[in-house]
C-alpha atoms as a PDB file:
ATOM      1  CA  MET A   1      15.871  -2.853  -6.437  1.00  0.00           C
ATOM      2  CA  ARG A   2      14.010  -1.308  -3.468  1.00  0.00           C
ATOM      3  CA  LEU A   3      13.124   2.675  -3.669  1.00  0.00           C
ATOM      4  CA  LEU A   4      12.373   5.183  -0.998  1.00  0.00           C
ATOM      5  CA  ARG A   5      11.870   8.920  -0.416  1.00  0.00           C
ATOM      6  CA  VAL A   6      13.313  10.123   3.101  1.00  0.00           C
ATOM      7  CA  GLY A   7      13.038  13.407   5.297  1.00  0.00           C
ATOM      8  CA  ALA A   8      10.437  15.353   6.687  1.00  0.00           C
ATOM      9  CA  PRO A   9       6.780  15.406   5.429  1.00  0.00           C
ATOM     10  CA  GLY A  10       6.471  17.016   1.942  1.00  0.00           C
ATOM     11  CA  ARG A  11       9.996  17.175   1.548  1.00  0.00           C
ATOM     12  CA  GLU A  12      11.324  13.966   1.179  1.00  0.00           C
ATOM     13  CA  ALA A  13      14.081  12.945  -0.875  1.00  0.00           C
ATOM     14  CA  PRO A  14      14.833   9.860  -3.249  1.00  0.00           C
ATOM     15  CA  ALA A  15      16.844   7.078  -1.867  1.00  0.00           C
ATOM     16  CA  LEU A  16      17.562   3.717  -2.466  1.00  0.00           C
ATOM     17  CA  LEU A  17      18.380   0.517  -0.515  1.00  0.00           C
ATOM     18  CA  ASP A  18      21.566  -0.814  -1.289  1.00  0.00           C
ATOM     19  CA  ASP A  19      22.205  -5.000  -0.776  1.00  0.00           C
ATOM     20  CA  GLY A  20      23.890  -4.202   2.490  1.00  0.00           C
ATOM     21  CA  GLY A  21      21.163  -2.444   4.136  1.00  0.00           C
ATOM     22  CA  ARG A  22      22.913   1.032   3.650  1.00  0.00           C
ATOM     23  CA  LEU A  23      20.729   3.656   2.125  1.00  0.00           C
ATOM     24  CA  ARG A  24      22.125   5.818  -0.904  1.00  0.00           C
ATOM     25  CA  ASP A  25      21.234   9.120  -1.841  1.00  0.00           C
ATOM     26  CA  LEU A  26      19.401   9.455  -5.160  1.00  0.00           C
ATOM     27  CA  ARG A  27      19.815  13.545  -5.342  1.00  0.00           C
ATOM     28  CA  GLY A  28      21.513  14.401  -8.206  1.00  0.00           C
ATOM     29  CA  VAL A  29      20.513  11.273 -10.699  1.00  0.00           C
ATOM     30  CA  VAL A  30      16.716  11.988 -10.033  1.00  0.00           C
ATOM     31  CA  ASP A  31      14.176  14.292  -8.823  1.00  0.00           C
ATOM     32  CA  ASP A  32      11.585  12.349  -6.986  1.00  0.00           C
ATOM     33  CA  ILE A  33      10.075   8.919  -7.308  1.00  0.00           C
ATOM     34  CA  ASP A  34       6.951   9.637  -8.681  1.00  0.00           C
ATOM     35  CA  GLY A  35       4.716   9.320 -11.896  1.00  0.00           C
ATOM     36  CA  ALA A  36       6.893  11.373 -14.016  1.00  0.00           C
ATOM     37  CA  PHE A  37       9.769   9.619 -12.925  1.00  0.00           C
ATOM     38  CA  LEU A  38       8.464   5.921 -13.734  1.00  0.00           C
ATOM     39  CA  ALA A  39       7.006   6.965 -16.918  1.00  0.00           C
ATOM     40  CA  ALA A  40      10.470   8.383 -18.244  1.00  0.00           C
ATOM     41  CA  ASP A  41      11.485   4.792 -17.787  1.00  0.00           C
ATOM     42  CA  GLY A  42      13.413   5.763 -14.659  1.00  0.00           C
ATOM     43  CA  LEU A  43      13.720   1.991 -13.126  1.00  0.00           C
ATOM     44  CA  ALA A  44      15.543   1.210 -16.167  1.00  0.00           C
ATOM     45  CA  ARG A  45      17.620   4.269 -15.978  1.00  0.00           C
ATOM     46  CA  LEU A  46      18.671   3.760 -12.265  1.00  0.00           C
ATOM     47  CA  ALA A  47      19.615   0.331 -12.981  1.00  0.00           C
ATOM     48  CA  ALA A  48      22.368   1.262 -15.130  1.00  0.00           C
ATOM     49  CA  VAL A  49      23.501   3.545 -12.330  1.00  0.00           C
ATOM     50  CA  ALA A  50      26.901   2.429 -10.289  1.00  0.00           C
ATOM     51  CA  VAL A  51      25.081   2.079  -6.332  1.00  0.00           C
ATOM     52  CA  ASP A  52      28.407   2.092  -4.617  1.00  0.00           C
ATOM     53  CA  ASP A  53      29.238   5.211  -6.289  1.00  0.00           C
ATOM     54  CA  LEU A  54      26.229   6.872  -4.818  1.00  0.00           C
ATOM     55  CA  PRO A  55      26.831   8.695  -1.125  1.00  0.00           C
ATOM     56  CA  VAL A  56      25.631   6.998   1.889  1.00  0.00           C
ATOM     57  CA  LEU A  57      22.627   8.541   4.051  1.00  0.00           C
ATOM     58  CA  ASP A  58      22.762   8.259   7.762  1.00  0.00           C
ATOM     59  CA  ARG A  59      19.984   6.686   8.910  1.00  0.00           C
ATOM     60  CA  THR A  60      19.890   8.041  12.532  1.00  0.00           C
ATOM     61  CA  ASP A  61      16.252  10.112  13.108  1.00  0.00           C
ATOM     62  CA  LEU A  62      15.950  10.045   9.439  1.00  0.00           C
ATOM     63  CA  ARG A  63      12.173   9.755   8.737  1.00  0.00           C
ATOM     64  CA  VAL A  64      11.269   7.649   6.119  1.00  0.00           C
ATOM     65  CA  GLY A  65       8.230   8.665   4.051  1.00  0.00           C
ATOM     66  CA  PRO A  66       5.875   6.841   1.217  1.00  0.00           C
ATOM     67  CA  PRO A  67       8.577   5.701  -1.452  1.00  0.00           C
ATOM     68  CA  VAL A  68       5.862   7.201  -3.979  1.00  0.00           C
ATOM     69  CA  ARG A  69       4.365  10.005  -4.258  1.00  0.00           C
ATOM     70  CA  PRO A  70       0.953   8.544  -5.986  1.00  0.00           C
ATOM     71  CA  GLY A  71      -1.382  10.138  -8.506  1.00  0.00           C
ATOM     72  CA  LYS A  72      -4.918   8.163  -8.032  1.00  0.00           C
ATOM     73  CA  ILE A  73      -4.998   5.275  -5.106  1.00  0.00           C
ATOM     74  CA  VAL A  74      -7.644   2.754  -6.644  1.00  0.00           C
ATOM     75  CA  CYS A  75      -8.981   0.367  -3.878  1.00  0.00           C
ATOM     76  CA  ILE A  76     -10.273  -3.341  -3.722  1.00  0.00           C
ATOM     77  CA  GLY A  77     -12.868  -4.345  -1.852  1.00  0.00           C
ATOM     78  CA  LEU A  78     -13.188  -8.293  -0.633  1.00  0.00           C
ATOM     79  CA  ASN A  79     -10.834  -9.607  -2.507  1.00  0.00           C
ATOM     80  CA  TYR A  80      -9.373 -12.520   0.019  1.00  0.00           C
ATOM     81  CA  ARG A  81     -11.990 -15.311   0.583  1.00  0.00           C
ATOM     82  CA  ASP A  82     -11.341 -15.342   3.955  1.00  0.00           C
ATOM     83  CA  HIS A  83     -11.973 -11.862   4.612  1.00  0.00           C
ATOM     84  CA  ALA A  84     -15.256 -12.180   2.629  1.00  0.00           C
ATOM     85  CA  ALA A  85     -16.524 -14.890   4.802  1.00  0.00           C
ATOM     86  CA  GLU A  86     -15.572 -13.272   8.261  1.00  0.00           C
ATOM     87  CA  THR A  87     -17.444 -10.404   7.137  1.00  0.00           C
ATOM     88  CA  GLY A  88     -20.367 -12.580   6.022  1.00  0.00           C
ATOM     89  CA  ALA A  89     -20.209 -10.821   2.312  1.00  0.00           C
ATOM     90  CA  PRO A  90     -20.841 -13.077  -0.632  1.00  0.00           C
ATOM     91  CA  LEU A  91     -17.451 -13.621  -3.049  1.00  0.00           C
ATOM     92  CA  PRO A  92     -17.832 -10.392  -5.502  1.00  0.00           C
ATOM     93  CA  SER A  93     -18.579 -11.699  -9.278  1.00  0.00           C
ATOM     94  CA  GLU A  94     -16.212  -8.856 -10.234  1.00  0.00           C
ATOM     95  CA  PRO A  95     -13.788  -6.824  -8.424  1.00  0.00           C
ATOM     96  CA  VAL A  96     -15.136  -4.148  -5.858  1.00  0.00           C
ATOM     97  CA  VAL A  97     -13.948  -0.871  -6.839  1.00  0.00           C
ATOM     98  CA  PHE A  98     -13.434   2.093  -4.653  1.00  0.00           C
ATOM     99  CA  LEU A  99     -11.436   5.150  -4.519  1.00  0.00           C
ATOM    100  CA  LYS A 100      -9.264   6.801  -1.524  1.00  0.00           C
ATOM    101  CA  ALA A 101      -7.981  10.307  -1.551  1.00  0.00           C
ATOM    102  CA  PRO A 102      -4.376  10.666  -2.352  1.00  0.00           C
ATOM    103  CA  ASP A 103      -3.513  12.659   0.708  1.00  0.00           C
ATOM    104  CA  THR A 104      -4.573   9.775   3.027  1.00  0.00           C
ATOM    105  CA  VAL A 105      -0.649   8.333   2.012  1.00  0.00           C
ATOM    106  CA  VAL A 106       1.373   8.656   5.063  1.00  0.00           C
ATOM    107  CA  GLY A 107       5.004   7.154   5.725  1.00  0.00           C
ATOM    108  CA  PRO A 108       5.179   3.576   7.055  1.00  0.00           C
ATOM    109  CA  ASP A 109       5.740   4.615  10.537  1.00  0.00           C
ATOM    110  CA  ASP A 110       3.653   7.987  10.725  1.00  0.00           C
ATOM    111  CA  THR A 111       1.025   8.028  13.502  1.00  0.00           C
ATOM    112  CA  VAL A 112      -2.509   7.069  12.406  1.00  0.00           C
ATOM    113  CA  LEU A 113      -5.257   9.016  13.685  1.00  0.00           C
ATOM    114  CA  VAL A 114      -8.846   8.035  14.690  1.00  0.00           C
ATOM    115  CA  PRO A 115     -10.934  10.624  13.181  1.00  0.00           C
ATOM    116  CA  ARG A 116     -13.722  12.457  15.773  1.00  0.00           C
ATOM    117  CA  GLY A 117     -16.101  10.591  16.703  1.00  0.00           C
ATOM    118  CA  SER A 118     -15.046   7.629  15.437  1.00  0.00           C
ATOM    119  CA  THR A 119     -15.541   4.251  17.296  1.00  0.00           C
ATOM    120  CA  LYS A 120     -14.859   1.805  14.763  1.00  0.00           C
ATOM    121  CA  THR A 121     -11.116   2.776  13.280  1.00  0.00           C
ATOM    122  CA  ASP A 122     -10.122  -0.699  11.696  1.00  0.00           C
ATOM    123  CA  TRP A 123      -6.751  -1.982  10.296  1.00  0.00           C
ATOM    124  CA  GLU A 124      -6.231  -3.969   6.556  1.00  0.00           C
ATOM    125  CA  VAL A 125      -2.500  -5.040   5.770  1.00  0.00           C
ATOM    126  CA  GLU A 126      -2.557  -4.879   1.600  1.00  0.00           C
ATOM    127  CA  LEU A 127      -0.020  -5.548  -1.376  1.00  0.00           C
ATOM    128  CA  ALA A 128      -0.031  -2.114  -2.795  1.00  0.00           C
ATOM    129  CA  VAL A 129       0.613  -1.980  -6.703  1.00  0.00           C
ATOM    130  CA  VAL A 130       2.404   0.625  -8.462  1.00  0.00           C
ATOM    131  CA  ILE A 131       1.754   1.360 -12.023  1.00  0.00           C
ATOM    132  CA  GLY A 132       4.786   2.116 -14.207  1.00  0.00           C
ATOM    133  CA  ARG A 133       3.151   2.829 -17.964  1.00  0.00           C
ATOM    134  CA  PRO A 134      -0.248   3.800 -18.842  1.00  0.00           C
ATOM    135  CA  ALA A 135      -2.814   0.878 -18.847  1.00  0.00           C
ATOM    136  CA  ARG A 136      -5.803   1.753 -20.933  1.00  0.00           C
ATOM    137  CA  TYR A 137      -8.337  -1.316 -22.549  1.00  0.00           C
ATOM    138  CA  LEU A 138      -5.776  -4.384 -21.688  1.00  0.00           C
ATOM    139  CA  THR A 139      -6.758  -7.619 -22.735  1.00  0.00           C
ATOM    140  CA  SER A 140      -4.108  -9.793 -21.261  1.00  0.00           C
ATOM    141  CA  ALA A 141      -2.501 -10.817 -17.835  1.00  0.00           C
ATOM    142  CA  GLU A 142       0.943 -10.523 -19.480  1.00  0.00           C
ATOM    143  CA  GLU A 143       0.122  -6.579 -20.754  1.00  0.00           C
ATOM    144  CA  ALA A 144      -1.296  -6.112 -17.491  1.00  0.00           C
ATOM    145  CA  LEU A 145       1.705  -7.546 -15.393  1.00  0.00           C
ATOM    146  CA  ALA A 146       4.030  -5.502 -17.778  1.00  0.00           C
ATOM    147  CA  CYS A 147       2.058  -1.943 -16.874  1.00  0.00           C
ATOM    148  CA  VAL A 148       3.302  -2.677 -13.111  1.00  0.00           C
ATOM    149  CA  ALA A 149       6.502  -0.893 -11.643  1.00  0.00           C
ATOM    150  CA  GLY A 150       6.611  -2.609  -8.305  1.00  0.00           C
ATOM    151  CA  TYR A 151       5.168  -3.186  -5.062  1.00  0.00           C
ATOM    152  CA  ALA A 152       4.835  -1.903  -1.479  1.00  0.00           C
ATOM    153  CA  VAL A 153       2.997  -2.483   1.535  1.00  0.00           C
ATOM    154  CA  ALA A 154      -0.010  -0.398   2.402  1.00  0.00           C
ATOM    155  CA  ASN A 155      -2.398  -0.232   5.516  1.00  0.00           C
ATOM    156  CA  ASP A 156      -5.816   0.100   4.345  1.00  0.00           C
ATOM    157  CA  VAL A 157      -6.548   1.988   7.581  1.00  0.00           C
ATOM    158  CA  SER A 158     -10.606   2.315   7.644  1.00  0.00           C
ATOM    159  CA  GLU A 159     -13.942   3.760   9.791  1.00  0.00           C
ATOM    160  CA  ARG A 160     -16.500   1.089   9.765  1.00  0.00           C
ATOM    161  CA  GLU A 161     -19.135   3.482  10.742  1.00  0.00           C
ATOM    162  CA  PHE A 162     -18.375   5.860   8.179  1.00  0.00           C
ATOM    163  CA  GLN A 163     -18.033   3.178   5.863  1.00  0.00           C
ATOM    164  CA  LEU A 164     -20.861   1.211   5.847  1.00  0.00           C
ATOM    165  CA  GLU A 165     -23.842   2.944   7.959  1.00  0.00           C
ATOM    166  CA  ARG A 166     -23.165   6.551   6.975  1.00  0.00           C
ATOM    167  CA  GLY A 167     -25.282   6.053   3.392  1.00  0.00           C
ATOM    168  CA  GLY A 168     -23.595   3.412   1.870  1.00  0.00           C
ATOM    169  CA  GLN A 169     -20.663   5.397   0.501  1.00  0.00           C
ATOM    170  CA  TRP A 170     -17.343   3.378   1.275  1.00  0.00           C
ATOM    171  CA  ASP A 171     -15.057   6.017   0.201  1.00  0.00           C
ATOM    172  CA  LYS A 172     -16.284   8.022   3.576  1.00  0.00           C
ATOM    173  CA  GLY A 173     -15.126   5.576   5.816  1.00  0.00           C
ATOM    174  CA  LYS A 174     -11.512   5.024   3.807  1.00  0.00           C
ATOM    175  CA  SER A 175     -10.260   8.737   2.803  1.00  0.00           C
ATOM    176  CA  CYS A 176     -10.079   9.941   6.622  1.00  0.00           C
ATOM    177  CA  GLU A 177      -6.310  11.650   6.974  1.00  0.00           C
ATOM    178  CA  THR A 178      -3.544   9.500   7.571  1.00  0.00           C
ATOM    179  CA  PHE A 179      -5.732   6.637   6.364  1.00  0.00           C
ATOM    180  CA  ASN A 180      -3.105   4.677   4.021  1.00  0.00           C
ATOM    181  CA  PRO A 181       0.640   4.150   5.668  1.00  0.00           C
ATOM    182  CA  PHE A 182       2.630   3.142   2.591  1.00  0.00           C
ATOM    183  CA  GLY A 183       5.995   2.040   2.158  1.00  0.00           C
ATOM    184  CA  PRO A 184       8.844   1.701   3.385  1.00  0.00           C
ATOM    185  CA  TRP A 185      10.021   0.743   0.115  1.00  0.00           C
ATOM    186  CA  LEU A 186       8.602  -0.036  -3.555  1.00  0.00           C
ATOM    187  CA  VAL A 187      10.238  -2.935  -4.278  1.00  0.00           C
ATOM    188  CA  SER A 188      10.683  -3.360  -8.583  1.00  0.00           C
ATOM    189  CA  ALA A 189       8.522  -5.939  -9.707  1.00  0.00           C
ATOM    190  CA  ASP A 190      11.661  -8.023 -10.792  1.00  0.00           C
ATOM    191  CA  GLU A 191      12.255  -9.018  -7.614  1.00  0.00           C
ATOM    192  CA  ILE A 192       8.695 -10.213  -6.595  1.00  0.00           C
ATOM    193  CA  PRO A 193       8.440 -13.088  -9.443  1.00  0.00           C
ATOM    194  CA  ASP A 194       4.967 -14.192  -8.348  1.00  0.00           C
ATOM    195  CA  PRO A 195       2.825 -11.572  -6.407  1.00  0.00           C
ATOM    196  CA  GLN A 196       0.405 -14.166  -5.648  1.00  0.00           C
ATOM    197  CA  ASN A 197       2.900 -16.323  -3.598  1.00  0.00           C
ATOM    198  CA  LEU A 198       3.294 -13.546  -0.390  1.00  0.00           C
ATOM    199  CA  GLY A 199       2.646 -13.747   3.006  1.00  0.00           C
ATOM    200  CA  LEU A 200       1.020 -10.718   4.830  1.00  0.00           C
ATOM    201  CA  ARG A 201       0.795 -10.134   8.526  1.00  0.00           C
ATOM    202  CA  LEU A 202      -0.593  -7.616  11.058  1.00  0.00           C
ATOM    203  CA  TRP A 203       0.043  -7.037  14.578  1.00  0.00           C
ATOM    204  CA  VAL A 204      -2.134  -4.891  17.058  1.00  0.00           C
ATOM    205  CA  ASN A 205      -0.610  -4.453  20.523  1.00  0.00           C
ATOM    206  CA  GLY A 206       1.643  -7.634  19.696  1.00  0.00           C
ATOM    207  CA  ARG A 207      -0.991  -9.731  18.991  1.00  0.00           C
ATOM    208  CA  LEU A 208      -1.015 -11.515  15.706  1.00  0.00           C
ATOM    209  CA  ARG A 209      -4.104 -10.238  13.989  1.00  0.00           C
ATOM    210  CA  GLN A 210      -3.851 -11.118  10.189  1.00  0.00           C
ATOM    211  CA  ASP A 211      -2.058 -14.216   8.882  1.00  0.00           C
ATOM    212  CA  GLY A 212      -2.681 -14.473   5.431  1.00  0.00           C
ATOM    213  CA  SER A 213      -1.413 -14.788   1.749  1.00  0.00           C
ATOM    214  CA  THR A 214      -1.872 -13.277  -1.714  1.00  0.00           C
ATOM    215  CA  LYS A 215      -2.702 -17.044  -2.780  1.00  0.00           C
ATOM    216  CA  ASP A 216      -5.998 -16.420  -1.134  1.00  0.00           C
ATOM    217  CA  MET A 217      -6.915 -13.387  -3.341  1.00  0.00           C
ATOM    218  CA  VAL A 218     -10.330 -13.904  -5.350  1.00  0.00           C
ATOM    219  CA  PHE A 219      -8.932 -11.779  -8.467  1.00  0.00           C
ATOM    220  CA  PRO A 220      -5.289 -11.883  -8.678  1.00  0.00           C
ATOM    221  CA  VAL A 221      -2.885  -8.875  -9.226  1.00  0.00           C
ATOM    222  CA  ALA A 222      -2.744  -9.347 -12.943  1.00  0.00           C
ATOM    223  CA  GLU A 223      -6.854 -10.131 -13.315  1.00  0.00           C
ATOM    224  CA  ILE A 224      -7.220  -6.428 -11.045  1.00  0.00           C
ATOM    225  CA  VAL A 225      -5.008  -4.247 -13.375  1.00  0.00           C
ATOM    226  CA  ARG A 226      -7.044  -5.404 -16.899  1.00  0.00           C
ATOM    227  CA  TYR A 227     -10.135  -4.866 -15.185  1.00  0.00           C
ATOM    228  CA  LEU A 228      -9.610  -1.505 -14.184  1.00  0.00           C
ATOM    229  CA  SER A 229      -8.237  -0.480 -17.094  1.00  0.00           C
ATOM    230  CA  TRP A 230     -11.508  -1.023 -19.020  1.00  0.00           C
ATOM    231  CA  PHE A 231     -12.847   1.553 -16.617  1.00  0.00           C
ATOM    232  CA  MET A 232      -9.908   4.254 -15.962  1.00  0.00           C
ATOM    233  CA  VAL A 233      -6.961   4.668 -17.617  1.00  0.00           C
ATOM    234  CA  LEU A 234      -4.202   3.946 -14.850  1.00  0.00           C
ATOM    235  CA  HIS A 235      -0.810   6.548 -15.303  1.00  0.00           C
ATOM    236  CA  PRO A 236       2.583   5.743 -13.729  1.00  0.00           C
ATOM    237  CA  GLY A 237       2.501   6.554 -10.260  1.00  0.00           C
ATOM    238  CA  ASP A 238      -0.918   5.531  -9.784  1.00  0.00           C
ATOM    239  CA  VAL A 239      -1.228   2.765  -6.624  1.00  0.00           C
ATOM    240  CA  ILE A 240      -3.889   0.009  -6.326  1.00  0.00           C
ATOM    241  CA  ASN A 241      -4.734  -1.890  -2.922  1.00  0.00           C
ATOM    242  CA  THR A 242      -5.593  -5.101  -3.700  1.00  0.00           C
ATOM    243  CA  GLY A 243      -7.565  -6.241  -0.542  1.00  0.00           C
ATOM    244  CA  THR A 244      -6.765  -7.581   2.651  1.00  0.00           C
ATOM    245  CA  PRO A 245      -7.067 -11.231   4.143  1.00  0.00           C
ATOM    246  CA  ALA A 246      -9.666 -12.309   7.447  1.00  0.00           C
ATOM    247  CA  GLY A 247      -8.378 -10.967  11.159  1.00  0.00           C
ATOM    248  CA  VAL A 248      -9.796  -7.130  10.764  1.00  0.00           C
ATOM    249  CA  ALA A 249     -12.003  -5.926  13.666  1.00  0.00           C
ATOM    250  CA  LEU A 250     -14.722  -5.877  11.681  1.00  0.00           C
ATOM    251  CA  GLY A 251     -14.972  -9.600  11.574  1.00  0.00           C
ATOM    252  CA  GLN A 252     -14.113 -10.051  15.283  1.00  0.00           C
ATOM    253  CA  PRO A 253     -16.933 -11.324  18.149  1.00  0.00           C
ATOM    254  CA  ASP A 254     -18.185  -8.334  20.419  1.00  0.00           C
ATOM    255  CA  PRO A 255     -17.015  -6.803  21.332  1.00  0.00           C
ATOM    256  CA  LYS A 256     -14.986  -5.533  18.360  1.00  0.00           C
ATOM    257  CA  PRO A 257     -11.001  -4.594  19.007  1.00  0.00           C
ATOM    258  CA  TYR A 258     -11.493  -1.402  16.899  1.00  0.00           C
ATOM    259  CA  LEU A 259      -8.021   0.946  17.395  1.00  0.00           C
ATOM    260  CA  THR A 260      -8.006   3.250  19.836  1.00  0.00           C
ATOM    261  CA  ALA A 261      -5.384   6.168  20.804  1.00  0.00           C
ATOM    262  CA  GLY A 262      -2.284   4.610  22.156  1.00  0.00           C
ATOM    263  CA  ASP A 263      -2.465   1.406  20.133  1.00  0.00           C
ATOM    264  CA  VAL A 264       0.601  -0.008  18.463  1.00  0.00           C
ATOM    265  CA  ILE A 265      -0.002  -1.537  14.880  1.00  0.00           C
ATOM    266  CA  GLU A 266       3.067  -3.542  13.319  1.00  0.00           C
ATOM    267  CA  LEU A 267       2.894  -5.127   9.393  1.00  0.00           C
ATOM    268  CA  GLU A 268       4.514  -6.535   7.239  1.00  0.00           C
ATOM    269  CA  ILE A 269       4.607  -8.639   3.366  1.00  0.00           C
ATOM    270  CA  ASP A 270       7.179 -10.881   2.531  1.00  0.00           C
ATOM    271  CA  GLY A 271       9.966  -9.089   0.805  1.00  0.00           C
ATOM    272  CA  LEU A 272       8.393  -5.568   0.943  1.00  0.00           C
ATOM    273  CA  GLY A 273       9.167  -4.587   4.290  1.00  0.00           C
ATOM    274  CA  ARG A 274       7.765  -3.698   7.752  1.00  0.00           C
ATOM    275  CA  GLN A 275       5.526  -1.113   9.038  1.00  0.00           C
ATOM    276  CA  ARG A 276       4.616   0.238  12.567  1.00  0.00           C
ATOM    277  CA  GLN A 277       2.332   2.973  13.716  1.00  0.00           C
ATOM    278  CA  VAL A 278       1.346   4.459  17.160  1.00  0.00           C
ATOM    279  CA  VAL A 279      -2.394   5.281  17.109  1.00  0.00           C
ATOM    280  CA  GLY A 280      -3.353   8.998  18.046  1.00  0.00           C
ATOM    281  CA  GLN A 281      -6.467  10.927  17.985  1.00  0.00           C
ATOM    282  CA  ALA A 282      -7.082  13.584  15.398  1.00  0.00           C
END
């Protein structure tokens, strides 16, 4: 099942992408795709709906928004072996955890804004995990994966000076406006039998910058969910950004190719769709 939300920012409506690539209107079936929908076993209820009976939406000039209205966004840093190596950081012995403000979330093709005063705005293609049921003190990988509603593409945009040179608080470099393009779809977990076998790619101005695989994660999805559940309760609608492979601007030789207004970022993950952002200036 591929779910999405379409329409103007703040007024998105729920939709479904059918097997023929047509958008189906879910208004009248569900109110929104959010924590309340997931907590009420919304995915199972939608699975029983006759897709061919749903109205078809005209996709012309229809904006795609974030596929879920998220709760909190929890991020895992340095979670790919090659990314840790390129930044000169040792492999973490436990997941590196930080939070990202939920209002950073924008649609997959919305503008990404370089913050005022920024000279080190960077890209990060990431597998996003969407939680579908409460996760609290989990004890096994099986329990953890049972709490996953589905997966999506995220661009964990980062300002490296704010993150690393302004007092050591990663959140400052991660929570600027527009810094979490998300989507296009929420793909239900049953369609992704192995989240540790997905290719991730990102291009800047047509040049391939990141080309990795979730096989290279230090901590796999199940362990991330299990681990986090011992430090915080994960609720339906919460999102976990699970880390990025090598190829970010921070890991390149000087002069590092940080983003500037007019750049075009494109990214994709196998089976989860594709994003495209034109960079603007805040």
